[in-house]
Amino acid sequence: MPQQFACVILVDPRGWLLLQERDEHPVIDPDMWGFVGGHVDPGEEPDQAAYRELEEETGVRLEPPALPRWRVFEVFHPAYDSLDEAFVYTARTELTDADIVCGEGRQIVFVDPSRLGDLPQTGSARLILPDFLASDRYEELCR
C-alpha cells in the first residue's frame, strides 16, 4: 500500500542544505544521508507532518506558512515494495548546526551541495536533490 512522506529541505545563507545522516535502525535506507522528515501519520495532512517531523527530528519549531510545499515526487521504496509519495517542503533559514538538535539518526547538519557526490544518499535524496539544486526555488532560497 503506498505511503506518504513529508521531506523538509532548509537552505542556509551559503546555499548549504540541512540533511540527516541516518543510523542503522531505519527500515528505509539505513546508514545513508537524506532529508529531515518521515511518514505522514494516518489522518494527518502532509503539510502538518512536515512541521511535526522537523520539530521532532531537529528541535526547530516553525509555524505555517514558513514551509511552503515545493513539489511531490513518486519514490519507490524497495524495503516496502511500494511506490510512495514524497511531499517536499523548502525554506531559507538563518539557523546553523549549533541550533539543530539531533533527535533522530547520527547527525543532522548543513551540507555543502558540492559534497553530495561523496555521501551515500537515500533513494529519495538521489531522486529529489538534483532537481531541487537545478530549480528556480533553490536559486531563490540562496539569494
N, C-alpha and C. Protein backbone atom coordinates (compact mmCIF):
# COMPACT_ATOMS: atom_id res chain seq x y z
N MET A 1 0.85 -1.19 0.00
CA MET A 1 0.00 0.00 0.00
C MET A 1 0.89 1.24 0.00
N PRO A 2 0.68 2.16 -0.93
CA PRO A 2 1.51 3.37 -0.98
C PRO A 2 1.41 4.19 0.31
N GLN A 3 2.52 4.79 0.67
CA GLN A 3 2.58 5.63 1.85
C GLN A 3 2.94 7.06 1.44
N GLN A 4 2.73 7.98 2.37
CA GLN A 4 3.10 9.37 2.14
C GLN A 4 4.19 9.76 3.12
N PHE A 5 5.13 10.57 2.62
CA PHE A 5 6.24 11.06 3.42
C PHE A 5 6.34 12.57 3.26
N ALA A 6 6.71 13.25 4.33
CA ALA A 6 6.99 14.69 4.29
C ALA A 6 8.49 14.87 4.42
N CYS A 7 9.09 15.58 3.48
CA CYS A 7 10.53 15.83 3.46
C CYS A 7 10.78 17.33 3.53
N VAL A 8 11.71 17.73 4.39
CA VAL A 8 11.99 19.15 4.59
C VAL A 8 13.42 19.45 4.16
N ILE A 9 13.57 20.49 3.34
CA ILE A 9 14.90 20.97 2.96
C ILE A 9 15.01 22.42 3.40
N LEU A 10 15.88 22.67 4.37
CA LEU A 10 16.21 24.03 4.77
C LEU A 10 17.52 24.41 4.12
N VAL A 11 17.59 25.65 3.63
CA VAL A 11 18.77 26.16 2.94
C VAL A 11 19.31 27.34 3.73
N ASP A 12 20.61 27.29 4.08
CA ASP A 12 21.21 28.39 4.83
C ASP A 12 21.76 29.46 3.87
N PRO A 13 22.26 30.59 4.39
CA PRO A 13 22.72 31.67 3.52
C PRO A 13 23.86 31.27 2.57
N ARG A 14 24.60 30.23 2.88
CA ARG A 14 25.67 29.75 2.00
C ARG A 14 25.13 28.89 0.86
N GLY A 15 23.85 28.51 0.95
CA GLY A 15 23.28 27.59 -0.03
C GLY A 15 23.42 26.14 0.40
N TRP A 16 23.86 25.90 1.63
CA TRP A 16 24.02 24.55 2.15
C TRP A 16 22.65 24.01 2.59
N LEU A 17 22.51 22.69 2.54
CA LEU A 17 21.24 22.03 2.80
C LEU A 17 21.27 21.28 4.13
N LEU A 18 20.20 21.40 4.90
CA LEU A 18 20.10 20.64 6.14
C LEU A 18 19.73 19.20 5.78
N LEU A 19 20.64 18.27 6.11
CA LEU A 19 20.42 16.85 5.81
C LEU A 19 20.69 16.01 7.04
N GLN A 20 20.12 14.84 7.03
CA GLN A 20 20.27 13.90 8.16
C GLN A 20 21.09 12.69 7.72
N GLU A 21 22.09 12.35 8.53
CA GLU A 21 22.76 11.07 8.35
C GLU A 21 21.99 10.05 9.18
N ARG A 22 21.35 9.11 8.50
CA ARG A 22 20.54 8.10 9.17
C ARG A 22 21.46 7.09 9.85
N ASP A 23 20.99 6.50 10.92
CA ASP A 23 21.76 5.45 11.58
C ASP A 23 21.36 4.09 11.02
N GLU A 24 21.72 3.03 11.72
CA GLU A 24 21.46 1.67 11.22
C GLU A 24 20.04 1.18 11.49
N HIS A 25 19.20 1.94 12.18
CA HIS A 25 17.89 1.46 12.61
C HIS A 25 16.74 1.58 11.61
N PRO A 26 16.70 2.56 10.71
CA PRO A 26 15.52 2.69 9.84
C PRO A 26 15.37 1.51 8.87
N VAL A 27 14.11 1.20 8.55
CA VAL A 27 13.82 0.18 7.56
C VAL A 27 14.25 0.68 6.18
N ILE A 28 13.98 1.95 5.91
CA ILE A 28 14.32 2.55 4.61
C ILE A 28 15.71 3.19 4.70
N ASP A 29 16.60 2.78 3.83
CA ASP A 29 17.91 3.43 3.63
C ASP A 29 18.71 3.67 4.91
N PRO A 30 19.00 2.64 5.70
CA PRO A 30 19.86 2.85 6.87
C PRO A 30 21.25 3.30 6.43
N ASP A 31 21.93 4.03 7.30
CA ASP A 31 23.32 4.45 7.07
C ASP A 31 23.49 5.34 5.84
N MET A 32 22.46 6.05 5.46
CA MET A 32 22.51 6.94 4.29
C MET A 32 22.17 8.37 4.72
N TRP A 33 22.48 9.31 3.82
CA TRP A 33 22.15 10.72 4.03
C TRP A 33 20.85 11.02 3.30
N GLY A 34 19.96 11.71 3.99
CA GLY A 34 18.68 12.07 3.38
C GLY A 34 18.06 13.27 4.06
N PHE A 35 16.77 13.37 3.90
CA PHE A 35 16.03 14.54 4.37
C PHE A 35 15.58 14.39 5.82
N VAL A 36 15.43 15.51 6.47
CA VAL A 36 14.67 15.55 7.70
C VAL A 36 13.22 15.31 7.28
N GLY A 37 12.51 14.47 8.02
CA GLY A 37 11.12 14.19 7.68
C GLY A 37 10.79 12.74 7.92
N GLY A 38 9.62 12.35 7.48
CA GLY A 38 9.21 10.97 7.68
C GLY A 38 7.77 10.73 7.28
N HIS A 39 7.23 9.61 7.78
CA HIS A 39 5.87 9.19 7.46
C HIS A 39 4.83 10.24 7.85
N VAL A 40 3.84 10.35 6.99
CA VAL A 40 2.64 11.12 7.31
C VAL A 40 1.73 10.15 8.08
N ASP A 41 1.37 10.53 9.29
CA ASP A 41 0.54 9.67 10.13
C ASP A 41 -0.88 9.57 9.60
N PRO A 42 -1.58 8.47 9.91
CA PRO A 42 -2.99 8.35 9.49
C PRO A 42 -3.81 9.54 9.99
N GLY A 43 -4.60 10.11 9.10
CA GLY A 43 -5.44 11.26 9.45
C GLY A 43 -4.70 12.59 9.44
N GLU A 44 -3.40 12.56 9.20
CA GLU A 44 -2.60 13.78 9.19
C GLU A 44 -2.40 14.25 7.75
N GLU A 45 -2.36 15.54 7.56
CA GLU A 45 -2.06 16.10 6.24
C GLU A 45 -0.54 16.19 6.07
N PRO A 46 -0.03 16.01 4.86
CA PRO A 46 1.41 16.12 4.65
C PRO A 46 2.00 17.44 5.15
N ASP A 47 1.27 18.54 4.98
CA ASP A 47 1.76 19.83 5.46
C ASP A 47 1.99 19.80 6.97
N GLN A 48 1.05 19.23 7.70
CA GLN A 48 1.19 19.12 9.16
C GLN A 48 2.38 18.24 9.51
N ALA A 49 2.54 17.15 8.79
CA ALA A 49 3.63 16.22 9.05
C ALA A 49 4.99 16.88 8.87
N ALA A 50 5.11 17.77 7.90
CA ALA A 50 6.39 18.45 7.67
C ALA A 50 6.82 19.25 8.90
N TYR A 51 5.90 20.01 9.46
CA TYR A 51 6.21 20.80 10.66
C TYR A 51 6.50 19.89 11.86
N ARG A 52 5.68 18.84 12.02
CA ARG A 52 5.87 17.91 13.13
C ARG A 52 7.21 17.20 13.05
N GLU A 53 7.52 16.66 11.87
CA GLU A 53 8.78 15.93 11.69
C GLU A 53 9.99 16.84 11.90
N LEU A 54 9.93 18.06 11.38
CA LEU A 54 11.03 18.99 11.56
C LEU A 54 11.29 19.23 13.05
N GLU A 55 10.24 19.46 13.80
CA GLU A 55 10.42 19.71 15.23
C GLU A 55 10.90 18.46 15.97
N GLU A 56 10.31 17.30 15.66
CA GLU A 56 10.72 16.06 16.34
C GLU A 56 12.19 15.73 16.08
N GLU A 57 12.63 15.91 14.85
CA GLU A 57 13.98 15.48 14.49
C GLU A 57 15.06 16.50 14.75
N THR A 58 14.70 17.79 14.79
CA THR A 58 15.73 18.84 14.91
C THR A 58 15.53 19.79 16.09
N GLY A 59 14.35 19.77 16.70
CA GLY A 59 14.05 20.73 17.74
C GLY A 59 13.64 22.09 17.20
N VAL A 60 13.61 22.24 15.89
CA VAL A 60 13.25 23.51 15.25
C VAL A 60 11.73 23.56 15.07
N ARG A 61 11.14 24.58 15.67
CA ARG A 61 9.68 24.76 15.56
C ARG A 61 9.39 25.95 14.66
N LEU A 62 8.73 25.68 13.56
CA LEU A 62 8.29 26.73 12.63
C LEU A 62 6.78 26.71 12.58
N GLU A 63 6.22 27.84 12.23
CA GLU A 63 4.77 27.96 12.11
C GLU A 63 4.41 28.21 10.64
N PRO A 64 3.26 27.67 10.21
CA PRO A 64 2.81 27.95 8.85
C PRO A 64 2.68 29.45 8.63
N PRO A 65 3.04 29.93 7.49
CA PRO A 65 3.37 29.25 6.24
C PRO A 65 4.88 29.16 5.98
N ALA A 66 5.67 28.97 7.01
CA ALA A 66 7.14 29.00 6.89
C ALA A 66 7.72 27.91 5.99
N LEU A 67 6.98 26.80 5.81
CA LEU A 67 7.47 25.68 4.98
C LEU A 67 6.54 25.46 3.79
N PRO A 68 6.69 26.24 2.75
CA PRO A 68 5.82 26.01 1.59
C PRO A 68 6.19 24.69 0.89
N ARG A 69 5.15 24.04 0.37
CA ARG A 69 5.38 22.83 -0.40
C ARG A 69 5.99 23.21 -1.73
N TRP A 70 7.08 22.52 -2.08
CA TRP A 70 7.74 22.77 -3.37
C TRP A 70 7.18 21.83 -4.44
N ARG A 71 7.28 20.52 -4.20
CA ARG A 71 6.82 19.54 -5.20
C ARG A 71 6.46 18.23 -4.51
N VAL A 72 5.83 17.35 -5.26
CA VAL A 72 5.53 15.99 -4.81
C VAL A 72 6.20 15.04 -5.80
N PHE A 73 6.92 14.06 -5.27
CA PHE A 73 7.64 13.08 -6.08
C PHE A 73 7.10 11.68 -5.78
N GLU A 74 7.16 10.82 -6.77
CA GLU A 74 6.91 9.40 -6.54
C GLU A 74 8.27 8.74 -6.30
N VAL A 75 8.38 8.02 -5.20
CA VAL A 75 9.64 7.37 -4.82
C VAL A 75 9.36 5.90 -4.56
N PHE A 76 10.12 5.02 -5.21
CA PHE A 76 9.98 3.59 -4.94
C PHE A 76 10.85 3.23 -3.75
N HIS A 77 10.25 2.59 -2.75
CA HIS A 77 10.97 2.13 -1.57
C HIS A 77 11.03 0.61 -1.60
N PRO A 78 12.18 0.04 -1.97
CA PRO A 78 12.30 -1.42 -2.02
C PRO A 78 11.97 -2.10 -0.69
N ALA A 79 12.28 -1.44 0.43
CA ALA A 79 12.02 -2.03 1.74
C ALA A 79 10.54 -2.31 1.95
N TYR A 80 9.67 -1.50 1.33
CA TYR A 80 8.22 -1.69 1.45
C TYR A 80 7.62 -2.23 0.15
N ASP A 81 8.44 -2.32 -0.90
CA ASP A 81 7.98 -2.72 -2.22
C ASP A 81 6.78 -1.88 -2.64
N SER A 82 6.94 -0.54 -2.46
CA SER A 82 5.83 0.35 -2.80
C SER A 82 6.33 1.64 -3.44
N LEU A 83 5.48 2.18 -4.30
CA LEU A 83 5.73 3.47 -4.92
C LEU A 83 4.98 4.49 -4.06
N ASP A 84 5.75 5.31 -3.35
CA ASP A 84 5.19 6.21 -2.35
C ASP A 84 5.26 7.66 -2.81
N GLU A 85 4.53 8.52 -2.10
CA GLU A 85 4.55 9.96 -2.38
C GLU A 85 5.45 10.66 -1.38
N ALA A 86 6.38 11.47 -1.90
CA ALA A 86 7.25 12.30 -1.05
C ALA A 86 6.87 13.75 -1.30
N PHE A 87 6.31 14.38 -0.28
CA PHE A 87 5.93 15.79 -0.33
C PHE A 87 7.14 16.58 0.16
N VAL A 88 7.66 17.48 -0.67
CA VAL A 88 8.90 18.19 -0.35
C VAL A 88 8.60 19.64 -0.01
N TYR A 89 9.09 20.07 1.15
CA TYR A 89 8.89 21.42 1.68
C TYR A 89 10.25 22.09 1.80
N THR A 90 10.32 23.35 1.39
CA THR A 90 11.61 24.05 1.37
C THR A 90 11.49 25.43 2.00
N ALA A 91 12.59 25.87 2.61
CA ALA A 91 12.62 27.21 3.19
C ALA A 91 14.05 27.65 3.39
N ARG A 92 14.25 28.93 3.39
CA ARG A 92 15.54 29.53 3.74
C ARG A 92 15.59 29.67 5.25
N THR A 93 16.78 29.55 5.82
CA THR A 93 16.92 29.68 7.27
C THR A 93 18.23 30.37 7.61
N GLU A 94 18.24 31.01 8.75
CA GLU A 94 19.46 31.60 9.30
C GLU A 94 20.05 30.68 10.37
N LEU A 95 19.44 29.53 10.59
CA LEU A 95 19.94 28.59 11.59
C LEU A 95 21.32 28.07 11.19
N THR A 96 22.06 27.61 12.20
CA THR A 96 23.36 26.96 11.98
C THR A 96 23.32 25.57 12.61
N ASP A 97 24.38 24.82 12.42
CA ASP A 97 24.45 23.49 13.02
C ASP A 97 24.25 23.55 14.54
N ALA A 98 24.72 24.62 15.15
CA ALA A 98 24.61 24.77 16.61
C ALA A 98 23.16 24.90 17.07
N ASP A 99 22.25 25.28 16.16
CA ASP A 99 20.84 25.45 16.51
C ASP A 99 20.04 24.16 16.37
N ILE A 100 20.65 23.14 15.80
CA ILE A 100 19.96 21.90 15.48
C ILE A 100 20.20 20.85 16.57
N VAL A 101 19.12 20.26 17.06
CA VAL A 101 19.21 19.14 18.00
C VAL A 101 18.97 17.87 17.18
N CYS A 102 19.87 16.93 17.28
CA CYS A 102 19.71 15.68 16.52
C CYS A 102 18.80 14.74 17.31
N GLY A 103 17.53 14.71 16.93
CA GLY A 103 16.57 13.87 17.61
C GLY A 103 16.41 12.50 16.99
N GLU A 104 17.06 12.29 15.85
CA GLU A 104 16.96 11.01 15.15
C GLU A 104 18.15 10.88 14.21
N GLY A 105 18.71 9.70 14.11
CA GLY A 105 19.85 9.48 13.22
C GLY A 105 21.17 9.78 13.90
N ARG A 106 22.26 9.75 13.11
CA ARG A 106 23.60 10.01 13.65
C ARG A 106 23.88 11.49 13.80
N GLN A 107 23.46 12.25 12.79
CA GLN A 107 23.67 13.70 12.84
C GLN A 107 22.74 14.37 11.85
N ILE A 108 22.45 15.63 12.14
CA ILE A 108 21.68 16.47 11.23
C ILE A 108 22.45 17.78 11.13
N VAL A 109 23.00 18.04 9.94
CA VAL A 109 23.88 19.19 9.74
C VAL A 109 23.64 19.81 8.37
N PHE A 110 24.14 21.03 8.21
CA PHE A 110 24.10 21.68 6.91
C PHE A 110 25.26 21.14 6.07
N VAL A 111 24.94 20.75 4.84
CA VAL A 111 25.91 20.10 3.95
C VAL A 111 26.10 20.96 2.70
N ASP A 112 27.36 21.16 2.35
CA ASP A 112 27.72 21.85 1.12
C ASP A 112 27.27 20.98 -0.06
N PRO A 113 26.44 21.50 -0.97
CA PRO A 113 25.97 20.68 -2.09
C PRO A 113 27.10 20.08 -2.93
N SER A 114 28.26 20.71 -2.94
CA SER A 114 29.38 20.16 -3.71
C SER A 114 29.90 18.85 -3.11
N ARG A 115 29.53 18.55 -1.86
CA ARG A 115 29.95 17.31 -1.20
C ARG A 115 28.96 16.16 -1.40
N LEU A 116 27.82 16.42 -1.98
CA LEU A 116 26.78 15.40 -2.09
C LEU A 116 27.26 14.14 -2.80
N GLY A 117 28.09 14.29 -3.80
CA GLY A 117 28.60 13.13 -4.54
C GLY A 117 29.45 12.22 -3.69
N ASP A 118 29.97 12.72 -2.58
CA ASP A 118 30.80 11.92 -1.67
C ASP A 118 29.99 11.19 -0.61
N LEU A 119 28.70 11.49 -0.52
CA LEU A 119 27.87 10.94 0.55
C LEU A 119 26.93 9.86 0.01
N PRO A 120 26.80 8.73 0.73
CA PRO A 120 25.78 7.75 0.34
C PRO A 120 24.40 8.34 0.65
N GLN A 121 23.56 8.43 -0.38
CA GLN A 121 22.27 9.11 -0.24
C GLN A 121 21.10 8.13 -0.29
N THR A 122 20.05 8.49 0.43
CA THR A 122 18.82 7.72 0.37
C THR A 122 18.27 7.75 -1.06
N GLY A 123 17.39 6.81 -1.36
CA GLY A 123 16.77 6.80 -2.69
C GLY A 123 16.03 8.09 -2.99
N SER A 124 15.32 8.62 -2.00
CA SER A 124 14.59 9.86 -2.24
C SER A 124 15.53 11.03 -2.44
N ALA A 125 16.63 11.09 -1.71
CA ALA A 125 17.60 12.17 -1.88
C ALA A 125 18.24 12.10 -3.27
N ARG A 126 18.59 10.90 -3.71
CA ARG A 126 19.20 10.75 -5.05
C ARG A 126 18.24 11.21 -6.14
N LEU A 127 16.96 10.98 -5.93
CA LEU A 127 15.95 11.37 -6.92
C LEU A 127 15.65 12.87 -6.87
N ILE A 128 15.49 13.41 -5.67
CA ILE A 128 14.97 14.77 -5.49
C ILE A 128 16.04 15.85 -5.51
N LEU A 129 17.19 15.62 -4.88
CA LEU A 129 18.19 16.69 -4.75
C LEU A 129 18.68 17.25 -6.08
N PRO A 130 18.96 16.44 -7.11
CA PRO A 130 19.38 17.06 -8.38
C PRO A 130 18.34 18.03 -8.94
N ASP A 131 17.07 17.65 -8.88
CA ASP A 131 16.00 18.54 -9.36
C ASP A 131 15.94 19.81 -8.51
N PHE A 132 16.05 19.64 -7.21
CA PHE A 132 15.97 20.80 -6.32
C PHE A 132 17.14 21.75 -6.58
N LEU A 133 18.35 21.23 -6.66
CA LEU A 133 19.53 22.09 -6.85
C LEU A 133 19.53 22.80 -8.20
N ALA A 134 18.83 22.24 -9.18
CA ALA A 134 18.72 22.87 -10.51
C ALA A 134 17.50 23.77 -10.63
N SER A 135 16.73 23.90 -9.55
CA SER A 135 15.45 24.60 -9.62
C SER A 135 15.56 26.10 -9.35
N ASP A 136 14.56 26.82 -9.83
CA ASP A 136 14.42 28.24 -9.51
C ASP A 136 14.21 28.42 -8.01
N ARG A 137 13.56 27.44 -7.38
CA ARG A 137 13.29 27.54 -5.94
C ARG A 137 14.60 27.57 -5.14
N TYR A 138 15.55 26.70 -5.48
CA TYR A 138 16.84 26.70 -4.79
C TYR A 138 17.56 28.02 -5.03
N GLU A 139 17.54 28.48 -6.26
CA GLU A 139 18.19 29.76 -6.58
C GLU A 139 17.57 30.89 -5.75
N GLU A 140 16.26 30.89 -5.65
CA GLU A 140 15.55 31.90 -4.87
C GLU A 140 15.95 31.83 -3.38
N LEU A 141 16.07 30.63 -2.84
CA LEU A 141 16.41 30.47 -1.42
C LEU A 141 17.86 30.85 -1.13
N CYS A 142 18.70 30.85 -2.14
CA CYS A 142 20.11 31.20 -1.96
C CYS A 142 20.34 32.72 -1.99
N ARG A 143 19.36 33.48 -2.45
CA ARG A 143 19.51 34.94 -2.55
C ARG A 143 19.47 35.61 -1.20
